[in-house]
Amino acid sequence: MSNRIVESNVDQTLILLGLNVKQIKIYKTLLRKPGLSVLQISRETGINRASVYRALEEIIKKGLIKPLYEEKKSYFSAQDPEFLKMIYNTEQQKLSKVKSCLQTTIMKLQSSMSQSSCSSLAHLYRGVEGIKQVIWNCTKSKNKKIYQLGYLDWKLILGADYASLIHRELFNRKIYSFELSNTIEDGTLWSQYPEEMKEIHKERYISPKVLEIKHDIYLYDDIVVFSHFLNEDYMAIEIHNDQMFHLQKQMFDHFWNIGEDMPLFEKFVPEG
């Protein structure tokens, strides 16, 4: 492994332990040259003195640098890298505490969210990441049901791994999905959880002569999502409006009742 790769891995580890780029540069400089003043650190690293002062303050709090005082002057040296283990253990303890009360904290904060006085809300999402967020939002359905007019191929948009993650989340939350599509499925699937998806997903084919589907629509919890691809740009609008939801749901039910069941998820087809 080249030195450049090793240094990159070292820096990434230090970042994960809470140091930023300037702090890492200062810490590594003091490992090579202990006992430097702020001015000397600035010259060695190319970081201005004001930034050096701020960085030193934070690194000292972490215990990675120790100040030395001689004749009213301050000098700084780095602690032995073994000290990083202590930082790691401290972070682990913090994460354990967070994990134990995270769900309670989320529920408490959600209950205190302000409710808009408006009867409607709309959110615009763009790009693949926007589409991922919109679909992830669907996995939070309180009514445990999602109704979809399917057009775009999730595998092509999200990738098989992310699509499988969505499938897993839907299964874990026991959220049932019902999809209408103009595409006749052949029973193949790119999910890693075909058996689980059989339990919670049902799909029907409807002829484009009856209903031509040219974009995705998701319906759940009084929310309507329109998702579309145009000129290499993905976009989605998420609308919170009970009347719009009920109208769209009525239309969905009408076409669902005349759709034809399709075989699903007979085998796993890996990505690529």
C-alpha atoms as a PDB file:
ATOM      1  CA  MET A   1       0.000   0.000   0.000  1.00  0.00           C
ATOM      2  CA  SER A   2       1.426   3.392  -0.980  1.00  0.00           C
ATOM      3  CA  ASN A   3       2.279   6.072   1.567  1.00  0.00           C
ATOM      4  CA  ARG A   4      -0.344   8.337   0.036  1.00  0.00           C
ATOM      5  CA  ILE A   5      -3.074   5.756   0.622  1.00  0.00           C
ATOM      6  CA  VAL A   6      -1.878   5.126   4.167  1.00  0.00           C
ATOM      7  CA  GLU A   7      -1.870   8.862   4.941  1.00  0.00           C
ATOM      8  CA  SER A   8      -5.357   9.162   3.482  1.00  0.00           C
ATOM      9  CA  ASN A   9      -6.596   6.339   5.724  1.00  0.00           C
ATOM     10  CA  VAL A  10      -4.957   7.962   8.753  1.00  0.00           C
ATOM     11  CA  ASP A  11      -6.630  11.284   8.006  1.00  0.00           C
ATOM     12  CA  GLN A  12     -10.023   9.617   7.509  1.00  0.00           C
ATOM     13  CA  THR A  13      -9.677   7.883  10.880  1.00  0.00           C
ATOM     14  CA  LEU A  14      -8.820  11.158  12.603  1.00  0.00           C
ATOM     15  CA  ILE A  15     -11.808  12.841  10.954  1.00  0.00           C
ATOM     16  CA  LEU A  16     -14.072  10.056  12.250  1.00  0.00           C
ATOM     17  CA  LEU A  17     -12.656  10.719  15.714  1.00  0.00           C
ATOM     18  CA  GLY A  18     -13.773  14.344  15.460  1.00  0.00           C
ATOM     19  CA  LEU A  19     -10.806  16.291  14.082  1.00  0.00           C
ATOM     20  CA  ASN A  20     -11.059  18.624  11.106  1.00  0.00           C
ATOM     21  CA  VAL A  21      -8.447  19.119   8.385  1.00  0.00           C
ATOM     22  CA  LYS A  22      -6.613  21.984  10.111  1.00  0.00           C
ATOM     23  CA  GLN A  23      -6.545  20.179  13.439  1.00  0.00           C
ATOM     24  CA  ILE A  24      -5.136  17.053  11.794  1.00  0.00           C
ATOM     25  CA  LYS A  25      -2.400  19.078  10.100  1.00  0.00           C
ATOM     26  CA  ILE A  26      -1.407  20.714  13.381  1.00  0.00           C
ATOM     27  CA  TYR A  27      -1.487  17.445  15.339  1.00  0.00           C
ATOM     28  CA  LYS A  28       0.685  15.626  12.791  1.00  0.00           C
ATOM     29  CA  THR A  29       3.106  18.573  12.678  1.00  0.00           C
ATOM     30  CA  LEU A  30       3.511  18.494  16.463  1.00  0.00           C
ATOM     31  CA  LEU A  31       4.111  14.743  16.357  1.00  0.00           C
ATOM     32  CA  ARG A  32       7.086  15.424  14.082  1.00  0.00           C
ATOM     33  CA  LYS A  33       8.233  18.613  15.816  1.00  0.00           C
ATOM     34  CA  PRO A  34       7.157  18.888  19.462  1.00  0.00           C
ATOM     35  CA  GLY A  35       7.514  22.072  21.484  1.00  0.00           C
ATOM     36  CA  LEU A  36       6.475  24.632  18.853  1.00  0.00           C
ATOM     37  CA  SER A  37       4.978  28.045  19.519  1.00  0.00           C
ATOM     38  CA  VAL A  38       1.833  29.286  17.770  1.00  0.00           C
ATOM     39  CA  LEU A  39       3.981  31.324  15.385  1.00  0.00           C
ATOM     40  CA  GLN A  40       6.136  28.302  14.582  1.00  0.00           C
ATOM     41  CA  ILE A  41       3.075  26.099  14.058  1.00  0.00           C
ATOM     42  CA  SER A  42       1.646  28.710  11.699  1.00  0.00           C
ATOM     43  CA  ARG A  43       4.857  28.766   9.659  1.00  0.00           C
ATOM     44  CA  GLU A  44       5.132  24.979   9.549  1.00  0.00           C
ATOM     45  CA  THR A  45       1.521  24.359   8.512  1.00  0.00           C
ATOM     46  CA  GLY A  46       0.730  27.483   6.500  1.00  0.00           C
ATOM     47  CA  ILE A  47      -2.320  28.083   8.696  1.00  0.00           C
ATOM     48  CA  ASN A  48      -2.820  31.639   9.922  1.00  0.00           C
ATOM     49  CA  ARG A  49      -2.263  32.252  13.623  1.00  0.00           C
ATOM     50  CA  ALA A  50      -5.882  33.030  14.460  1.00  0.00           C
ATOM     51  CA  SER A  51      -6.928  29.671  13.043  1.00  0.00           C
ATOM     52  CA  VAL A  52      -4.062  27.948  14.845  1.00  0.00           C
ATOM     53  CA  TYR A  53      -5.265  29.361  18.182  1.00  0.00           C
ATOM     54  CA  ARG A  54      -8.814  28.130  17.554  1.00  0.00           C
ATOM     55  CA  ALA A  55      -7.644  24.703  16.397  1.00  0.00           C
ATOM     56  CA  LEU A  56      -5.299  24.279  19.372  1.00  0.00           C
ATOM     57  CA  GLU A  57      -8.101  25.108  21.770  1.00  0.00           C
ATOM     58  CA  GLU A  58     -10.249  22.299  20.365  1.00  0.00           C
ATOM     59  CA  ILE A  59      -7.445  19.726  20.149  1.00  0.00           C
ATOM     60  CA  ILE A  60      -6.371  20.461  23.729  1.00  0.00           C
ATOM     61  CA  LYS A  61      -9.967  19.793  24.846  1.00  0.00           C
ATOM     62  CA  LYS A  62      -9.728  16.384  23.197  1.00  0.00           C
ATOM     63  CA  GLY A  63      -6.464  15.746  25.045  1.00  0.00           C
ATOM     64  CA  LEU A  64      -4.368  15.205  21.911  1.00  0.00           C
ATOM     65  CA  ILE A  65      -2.118  18.190  22.510  1.00  0.00           C
ATOM     66  CA  LYS A  66      -0.549  19.397  25.729  1.00  0.00           C
ATOM     67  CA  PRO A  67       0.559  23.012  26.278  1.00  0.00           C
ATOM     68  CA  LEU A  68       3.920  23.829  27.887  1.00  0.00           C
ATOM     69  CA  TYR A  69       4.555  27.163  29.563  1.00  0.00           C
ATOM     70  CA  GLU A  70       8.041  28.657  29.861  1.00  0.00           C
ATOM     71  CA  GLU A  71       8.803  32.264  30.784  1.00  0.00           C
ATOM     72  CA  LYS A  72       5.322  33.522  29.864  1.00  0.00           C
ATOM     73  CA  LYS A  73       5.500  31.796  26.501  1.00  0.00           C
ATOM     74  CA  SER A  74       3.425  28.855  25.342  1.00  0.00           C
ATOM     75  CA  TYR A  75       4.681  25.843  23.454  1.00  0.00           C
ATOM     76  CA  PHE A  76       2.739  22.821  22.308  1.00  0.00           C
ATOM     77  CA  SER A  77       3.449  19.130  21.891  1.00  0.00           C
ATOM     78  CA  ALA A  78       1.334  16.199  20.705  1.00  0.00           C
ATOM     79  CA  GLN A  79       0.254  13.347  22.925  1.00  0.00           C
ATOM     80  CA  ASP A  80       1.294   9.816  22.021  1.00  0.00           C
ATOM     81  CA  PRO A  81      -1.085   8.438  19.330  1.00  0.00           C
ATOM     82  CA  GLU A  82      -2.052   5.695  21.800  1.00  0.00           C
ATOM     83  CA  PHE A  83      -4.269   8.385  23.325  1.00  0.00           C
ATOM     84  CA  LEU A  84      -6.554   7.991  20.304  1.00  0.00           C
ATOM     85  CA  LYS A  85      -7.838   4.777  21.863  1.00  0.00           C
ATOM     86  CA  MET A  86      -9.150   6.757  24.812  1.00  0.00           C
ATOM     87  CA  ILE A  87     -10.953   9.146  22.470  1.00  0.00           C
ATOM     88  CA  TYR A  88     -12.439   6.175  20.628  1.00  0.00           C
ATOM     89  CA  ASN A  89     -13.664   4.583  23.870  1.00  0.00           C
ATOM     90  CA  THR A  90     -15.192   7.874  24.979  1.00  0.00           C
ATOM     91  CA  GLU A  91     -17.051   8.222  21.673  1.00  0.00           C
ATOM     92  CA  GLN A  92     -18.271   4.638  21.958  1.00  0.00           C
ATOM     93  CA  GLN A  93     -19.685   5.348  25.410  1.00  0.00           C
ATOM     94  CA  LYS A  94     -21.467   8.426  24.080  1.00  0.00           C
ATOM     95  CA  LEU A  95     -22.959   6.462  21.183  1.00  0.00           C
ATOM     96  CA  SER A  96     -24.167   3.743  23.554  1.00  0.00           C
ATOM     97  CA  LYS A  97     -25.996   6.362  25.612  1.00  0.00           C
ATOM     98  CA  VAL A  98     -27.460   7.917  22.475  1.00  0.00           C
ATOM     99  CA  LYS A  99     -28.622   4.532  21.183  1.00  0.00           C
ATOM    100  CA  SER A 100     -30.422   3.728  24.436  1.00  0.00           C
ATOM    101  CA  CYS A 101     -32.606   6.831  24.264  1.00  0.00           C
ATOM    102  CA  LEU A 102     -32.633   7.740  20.559  1.00  0.00           C
ATOM    103  CA  GLN A 103     -36.124   6.467  19.712  1.00  0.00           C
ATOM    104  CA  THR A 104     -37.647   8.126  22.766  1.00  0.00           C
ATOM    105  CA  THR A 105     -35.919  11.383  21.838  1.00  0.00           C
ATOM    106  CA  ILE A 106     -37.208  11.202  18.246  1.00  0.00           C
ATOM    107  CA  MET A 107     -40.788  10.573  19.396  1.00  0.00           C
ATOM    108  CA  LYS A 108     -40.617  13.407  21.915  1.00  0.00           C
ATOM    109  CA  LEU A 109     -39.273  15.879  19.355  1.00  0.00           C
ATOM    110  CA  GLN A 110     -41.832  14.783  16.763  1.00  0.00           C
ATOM    111  CA  SER A 111     -44.645  15.357  19.233  1.00  0.00           C
ATOM    112  CA  SER A 112     -43.414  18.917  19.806  1.00  0.00           C
ATOM    113  CA  MET A 113     -43.191  19.803  16.102  1.00  0.00           C
ATOM    114  CA  SER A 114     -45.321  22.790  15.236  1.00  0.00           C
ATOM    115  CA  GLN A 115     -48.350  21.993  13.131  1.00  0.00           C
ATOM    116  CA  SER A 116     -48.817  24.315  10.190  1.00  0.00           C
ATOM    117  CA  SER A 117     -52.092  26.230  10.097  1.00  0.00           C
ATOM    118  CA  CYS A 118     -52.171  25.645   6.331  1.00  0.00           C
ATOM    119  CA  SER A 119     -54.262  22.719   5.102  1.00  0.00           C
ATOM    120  CA  SER A 120     -51.712  21.986   2.390  1.00  0.00           C
ATOM    121  CA  LEU A 121     -47.953  21.671   2.225  1.00  0.00           C
ATOM    122  CA  ALA A 122     -45.774  20.950  -0.793  1.00  0.00           C
ATOM    123  CA  HIS A 123     -42.115  19.949  -0.997  1.00  0.00           C
ATOM    124  CA  LEU A 124     -40.045  19.861  -4.173  1.00  0.00           C
ATOM    125  CA  TYR A 125     -37.224  17.331  -4.576  1.00  0.00           C
ATOM    126  CA  ARG A 126     -34.686  17.143  -7.405  1.00  0.00           C
ATOM    127  CA  GLY A 127     -32.069  14.697  -8.616  1.00  0.00           C
ATOM    128  CA  VAL A 128     -31.536  11.053  -7.730  1.00  0.00           C
ATOM    129  CA  GLU A 129     -30.947  11.918  -4.062  1.00  0.00           C
ATOM    130  CA  GLY A 130     -34.258  13.759  -4.043  1.00  0.00           C
ATOM    131  CA  ILE A 131     -36.047  10.707  -5.436  1.00  0.00           C
ATOM    132  CA  LYS A 132     -34.363   8.539  -2.807  1.00  0.00           C
ATOM    133  CA  GLN A 133     -35.623  10.856  -0.077  1.00  0.00           C
ATOM    134  CA  VAL A 134     -39.184  10.863  -1.429  1.00  0.00           C
ATOM    135  CA  ILE A 135     -39.285   7.063  -1.553  1.00  0.00           C
ATOM    136  CA  TRP A 136     -37.706   6.800   1.895  1.00  0.00           C
ATOM    137  CA  ASN A 137     -40.465   9.081   3.207  1.00  0.00           C
ATOM    138  CA  CYS A 138     -42.982   6.510   1.987  1.00  0.00           C
ATOM    139  CA  THR A 139     -41.516   3.963   4.396  1.00  0.00           C
ATOM    140  CA  LYS A 140     -42.773   6.123   7.267  1.00  0.00           C
ATOM    141  CA  SER A 141     -46.445   5.589   6.360  1.00  0.00           C
ATOM    142  CA  LYS A 142     -48.527   5.676   9.525  1.00  0.00           C
ATOM    143  CA  ASN A 143     -51.457   3.929   7.853  1.00  0.00           C
ATOM    144  CA  LYS A 144     -49.129   1.107   6.750  1.00  0.00           C
ATOM    145  CA  LYS A 145     -50.293   1.249   3.130  1.00  0.00           C
ATOM    146  CA  ILE A 146     -48.774   2.745  -0.029  1.00  0.00           C
ATOM    147  CA  TYR A 147     -50.568   2.954  -3.373  1.00  0.00           C
ATOM    148  CA  GLN A 148     -48.407   3.461  -6.439  1.00  0.00           C
ATOM    149  CA  LEU A 149     -48.688   4.068 -10.147  1.00  0.00           C
ATOM    150  CA  GLY A 150     -45.312   2.708 -11.228  1.00  0.00           C
ATOM    151  CA  TYR A 151     -43.383   3.985 -14.220  1.00  0.00           C
ATOM    152  CA  LEU A 152     -39.650   4.324 -13.609  1.00  0.00           C
ATOM    153  CA  ASP A 153     -37.405   1.340 -12.821  1.00  0.00           C
ATOM    154  CA  TRP A 154     -36.147   1.592  -9.234  1.00  0.00           C
ATOM    155  CA  LYS A 155     -33.074  -0.451 -10.076  1.00  0.00           C
ATOM    156  CA  LEU A 156     -32.017   2.026 -12.755  1.00  0.00           C
ATOM    157  CA  ILE A 157     -32.721   5.082 -10.590  1.00  0.00           C
ATOM    158  CA  LEU A 158     -31.748   4.015  -7.091  1.00  0.00           C
ATOM    159  CA  GLY A 159     -29.539   1.004  -7.670  1.00  0.00           C
ATOM    160  CA  ALA A 160     -30.385  -2.509  -6.475  1.00  0.00           C
ATOM    161  CA  ASP A 161     -28.778  -2.017  -3.045  1.00  0.00           C
ATOM    162  CA  TYR A 162     -30.882   1.035  -2.159  1.00  0.00           C
ATOM    163  CA  ALA A 163     -34.035  -0.545  -3.608  1.00  0.00           C
ATOM    164  CA  SER A 164     -33.408  -3.613  -1.436  1.00  0.00           C
ATOM    165  CA  LEU A 165     -32.925  -1.332   1.569  1.00  0.00           C
ATOM    166  CA  ILE A 166     -36.359   0.183   0.890  1.00  0.00           C
ATOM    167  CA  HIS A 167     -37.867  -3.287   0.550  1.00  0.00           C
ATOM    168  CA  ARG A 168     -36.329  -4.317   3.867  1.00  0.00           C
ATOM    169  CA  GLU A 169     -37.620  -1.198   5.602  1.00  0.00           C
ATOM    170  CA  LEU A 170     -41.138  -1.741   4.252  1.00  0.00           C
ATOM    171  CA  PHE A 171     -41.078  -5.343   5.445  1.00  0.00           C
ATOM    172  CA  ASN A 172     -39.740  -4.478   8.901  1.00  0.00           C
ATOM    173  CA  ARG A 173     -42.441  -1.853   9.335  1.00  0.00           C
ATOM    174  CA  LYS A 174     -45.106  -4.137   7.855  1.00  0.00           C
ATOM    175  CA  ILE A 175     -46.118  -1.532   5.292  1.00  0.00           C
ATOM    176  CA  TYR A 176     -48.137  -2.978   2.428  1.00  0.00           C
ATOM    177  CA  SER A 177     -47.686  -1.616  -1.086  1.00  0.00           C
ATOM    178  CA  PHE A 178     -50.040  -1.865  -4.061  1.00  0.00           C
ATOM    179  CA  GLU A 179     -48.670  -0.997  -7.482  1.00  0.00           C
ATOM    180  CA  LEU A 180     -50.316  -0.470 -10.873  1.00  0.00           C
ATOM    181  CA  SER A 181     -48.035  -0.615 -13.901  1.00  0.00           C
ATOM    182  CA  ASN A 182     -48.082  -0.718 -17.707  1.00  0.00           C
ATOM    183  CA  THR A 183     -45.157  -3.164 -17.563  1.00  0.00           C
ATOM    184  CA  ILE A 184     -45.827  -6.882 -17.544  1.00  0.00           C
ATOM    185  CA  GLU A 185     -43.534  -8.475 -14.960  1.00  0.00           C
ATOM    186  CA  ASP A 186     -41.911 -11.825 -15.727  1.00  0.00           C
ATOM    187  CA  GLY A 187     -41.465 -12.796 -12.106  1.00  0.00           C
ATOM    188  CA  THR A 188     -37.863 -11.612 -11.729  1.00  0.00           C
ATOM    189  CA  LEU A 189     -36.724  -9.264  -9.003  1.00  0.00           C
ATOM    190  CA  TRP A 190     -33.632  -7.292  -8.169  1.00  0.00           C
ATOM    191  CA  SER A 191     -34.390  -7.182  -4.431  1.00  0.00           C
ATOM    192  CA  GLN A 192     -32.364  -9.192  -1.952  1.00  0.00           C
ATOM    193  CA  TYR A 193     -35.580 -10.018  -0.034  1.00  0.00           C
ATOM    194  CA  PRO A 194     -37.999 -11.639  -2.506  1.00  0.00           C
ATOM    195  CA  GLU A 195     -39.783 -13.855   0.010  1.00  0.00           C
ATOM    196  CA  GLU A 196     -40.374 -10.975   2.384  1.00  0.00           C
ATOM    197  CA  MET A 197     -41.635  -8.720  -0.401  1.00  0.00           C
ATOM    198  CA  LYS A 198     -44.162 -11.357  -1.493  1.00  0.00           C
ATOM    199  CA  GLU A 199     -45.874 -10.841   1.858  1.00  0.00           C
ATOM    200  CA  ILE A 200     -46.301  -7.089   1.616  1.00  0.00           C
ATOM    201  CA  HIS A 201     -46.289  -6.149  -2.096  1.00  0.00           C
ATOM    202  CA  LYS A 202     -48.978  -6.733  -4.699  1.00  0.00           C
ATOM    203  CA  GLU A 203     -48.750  -5.596  -8.305  1.00  0.00           C
ATOM    204  CA  ARG A 204     -51.261  -5.416 -11.117  1.00  0.00           C
ATOM    205  CA  TYR A 205     -50.932  -4.754 -14.816  1.00  0.00           C
ATOM    206  CA  ILE A 206     -53.181  -2.291 -16.605  1.00  0.00           C
ATOM    207  CA  SER A 207     -53.091  -1.733 -20.338  1.00  0.00           C
ATOM    208  CA  PRO A 208     -51.840   1.686 -21.469  1.00  0.00           C
ATOM    209  CA  LYS A 209     -54.943   1.773 -23.662  1.00  0.00           C
ATOM    210  CA  VAL A 210     -56.961   1.978 -20.458  1.00  0.00           C
ATOM    211  CA  LEU A 211     -54.563   4.093 -18.400  1.00  0.00           C
ATOM    212  CA  GLU A 212     -51.233   5.290 -19.775  1.00  0.00           C
ATOM    213  CA  ILE A 213     -48.786   5.764 -16.898  1.00  0.00           C
ATOM    214  CA  LYS A 214     -45.998   8.231 -17.713  1.00  0.00           C
ATOM    215  CA  HIS A 215     -44.743   9.086 -14.239  1.00  0.00           C
ATOM    216  CA  ASP A 216     -44.761   7.649 -10.732  1.00  0.00           C
ATOM    217  CA  ILE A 217     -47.450   8.526  -8.226  1.00  0.00           C
ATOM    218  CA  TYR A 218     -47.304   7.487  -4.561  1.00  0.00           C
ATOM    219  CA  LEU A 219     -50.289   7.779  -2.231  1.00  0.00           C
ATOM    220  CA  TYR A 220     -50.150   7.376   1.548  1.00  0.00           C
ATOM    221  CA  ASP A 221     -51.267   9.140   4.757  1.00  0.00           C
ATOM    222  CA  ASP A 222     -53.122  11.974   2.946  1.00  0.00           C
ATOM    223  CA  ILE A 223     -49.947  12.571   0.938  1.00  0.00           C
ATOM    224  CA  VAL A 224     -49.671  12.584  -2.852  1.00  0.00           C
ATOM    225  CA  VAL A 225     -46.268  12.326  -4.544  1.00  0.00           C
ATOM    226  CA  PHE A 226     -45.737  12.994  -8.243  1.00  0.00           C
ATOM    227  CA  SER A 227     -42.344  11.847  -9.520  1.00  0.00           C
ATOM    228  CA  HIS A 228     -41.080  12.443 -13.055  1.00  0.00           C
ATOM    229  CA  PHE A 229     -38.007  12.260 -15.264  1.00  0.00           C
ATOM    230  CA  LEU A 230     -37.512  14.905 -17.931  1.00  0.00           C
ATOM    231  CA  ASN A 231     -34.396  15.780 -19.923  1.00  0.00           C
ATOM    232  CA  GLU A 232     -32.104  13.832 -17.555  1.00  0.00           C
ATOM    233  CA  ASP A 233     -33.563  15.633 -14.549  1.00  0.00           C
ATOM    234  CA  TYR A 234     -35.422  13.744 -11.820  1.00  0.00           C
ATOM    235  CA  MET A 235     -37.959  15.714  -9.852  1.00  0.00           C
ATOM    236  CA  ALA A 236     -40.728  14.962  -7.373  1.00  0.00           C
ATOM    237  CA  ILE A 237     -43.421  16.995  -5.662  1.00  0.00           C
ATOM    238  CA  GLU A 238     -44.717  15.781  -2.309  1.00  0.00           C
ATOM    239  CA  ILE A 239     -48.112  17.296  -1.500  1.00  0.00           C
ATOM    240  CA  HIS A 240     -49.767  17.029   1.900  1.00  0.00           C
ATOM    241  CA  ASN A 241     -53.478  17.525   1.254  1.00  0.00           C
ATOM    242  CA  ASP A 242     -56.263  15.171   2.304  1.00  0.00           C
ATOM    243  CA  GLN A 243     -58.688  16.190  -0.460  1.00  0.00           C
ATOM    244  CA  MET A 244     -56.112  15.661  -3.207  1.00  0.00           C
ATOM    245  CA  PHE A 245     -55.228  12.329  -1.630  1.00  0.00           C
ATOM    246  CA  HIS A 246     -58.829  11.110  -1.550  1.00  0.00           C
ATOM    247  CA  LEU A 247     -59.443  12.081  -5.173  1.00  0.00           C
ATOM    248  CA  GLN A 248     -56.270  10.323  -6.331  1.00  0.00           C
ATOM    249  CA  LYS A 249     -57.127   7.301  -4.173  1.00  0.00           C
ATOM    250  CA  GLN A 250     -60.577   6.996  -5.734  1.00  0.00           C
ATOM    251  CA  MET A 251     -59.032   6.965  -9.200  1.00  0.00           C
ATOM    252  CA  PHE A 252     -56.431   4.445  -8.091  1.00  0.00           C
ATOM    253  CA  ASP A 253     -59.110   2.125  -6.677  1.00  0.00           C
ATOM    254  CA  HIS A 254     -61.087   2.287  -9.922  1.00  0.00           C
ATOM    255  CA  PHE A 255     -58.153   1.215 -12.079  1.00  0.00           C
ATOM    256  CA  TRP A 256     -56.878  -1.268  -9.495  1.00  0.00           C
ATOM    257  CA  ASN A 257     -60.184  -3.126  -9.649  1.00  0.00           C
ATOM    258  CA  ILE A 258     -59.834  -3.638 -13.398  1.00  0.00           C
ATOM    259  CA  GLY A 259     -56.106  -4.471 -13.345  1.00  0.00           C
ATOM    260  CA  GLU A 260     -54.654  -7.964 -13.729  1.00  0.00           C
ATOM    261  CA  ASP A 261     -52.544  -9.675 -11.074  1.00  0.00           C
ATOM    262  CA  MET A 262     -48.917 -10.346 -12.026  1.00  0.00           C
ATOM    263  CA  PRO A 263     -46.422 -12.977 -10.745  1.00  0.00           C
ATOM    264  CA  LEU A 264     -43.818 -11.415  -8.494  1.00  0.00           C
ATOM    265  CA  PHE A 265     -40.419 -12.025  -7.036  1.00  0.00           C
ATOM    266  CA  GLU A 266     -39.789 -15.595  -8.067  1.00  0.00           C
ATOM    267  CA  LYS A 267     -36.026 -15.241  -8.077  1.00  0.00           C
ATOM    268  CA  PHE A 268     -33.254 -12.819  -7.203  1.00  0.00           C
ATOM    269  CA  VAL A 269     -31.493 -11.139 -10.115  1.00  0.00           C
ATOM    270  CA  PRO A 270     -28.304  -9.445  -8.808  1.00  0.00           C
ATOM    271  CA  GLU A 271     -27.354  -5.958  -9.962  1.00  0.00           C
ATOM    272  CA  GLY A 272     -25.150  -5.845 -13.044  1.00  0.00           C
END
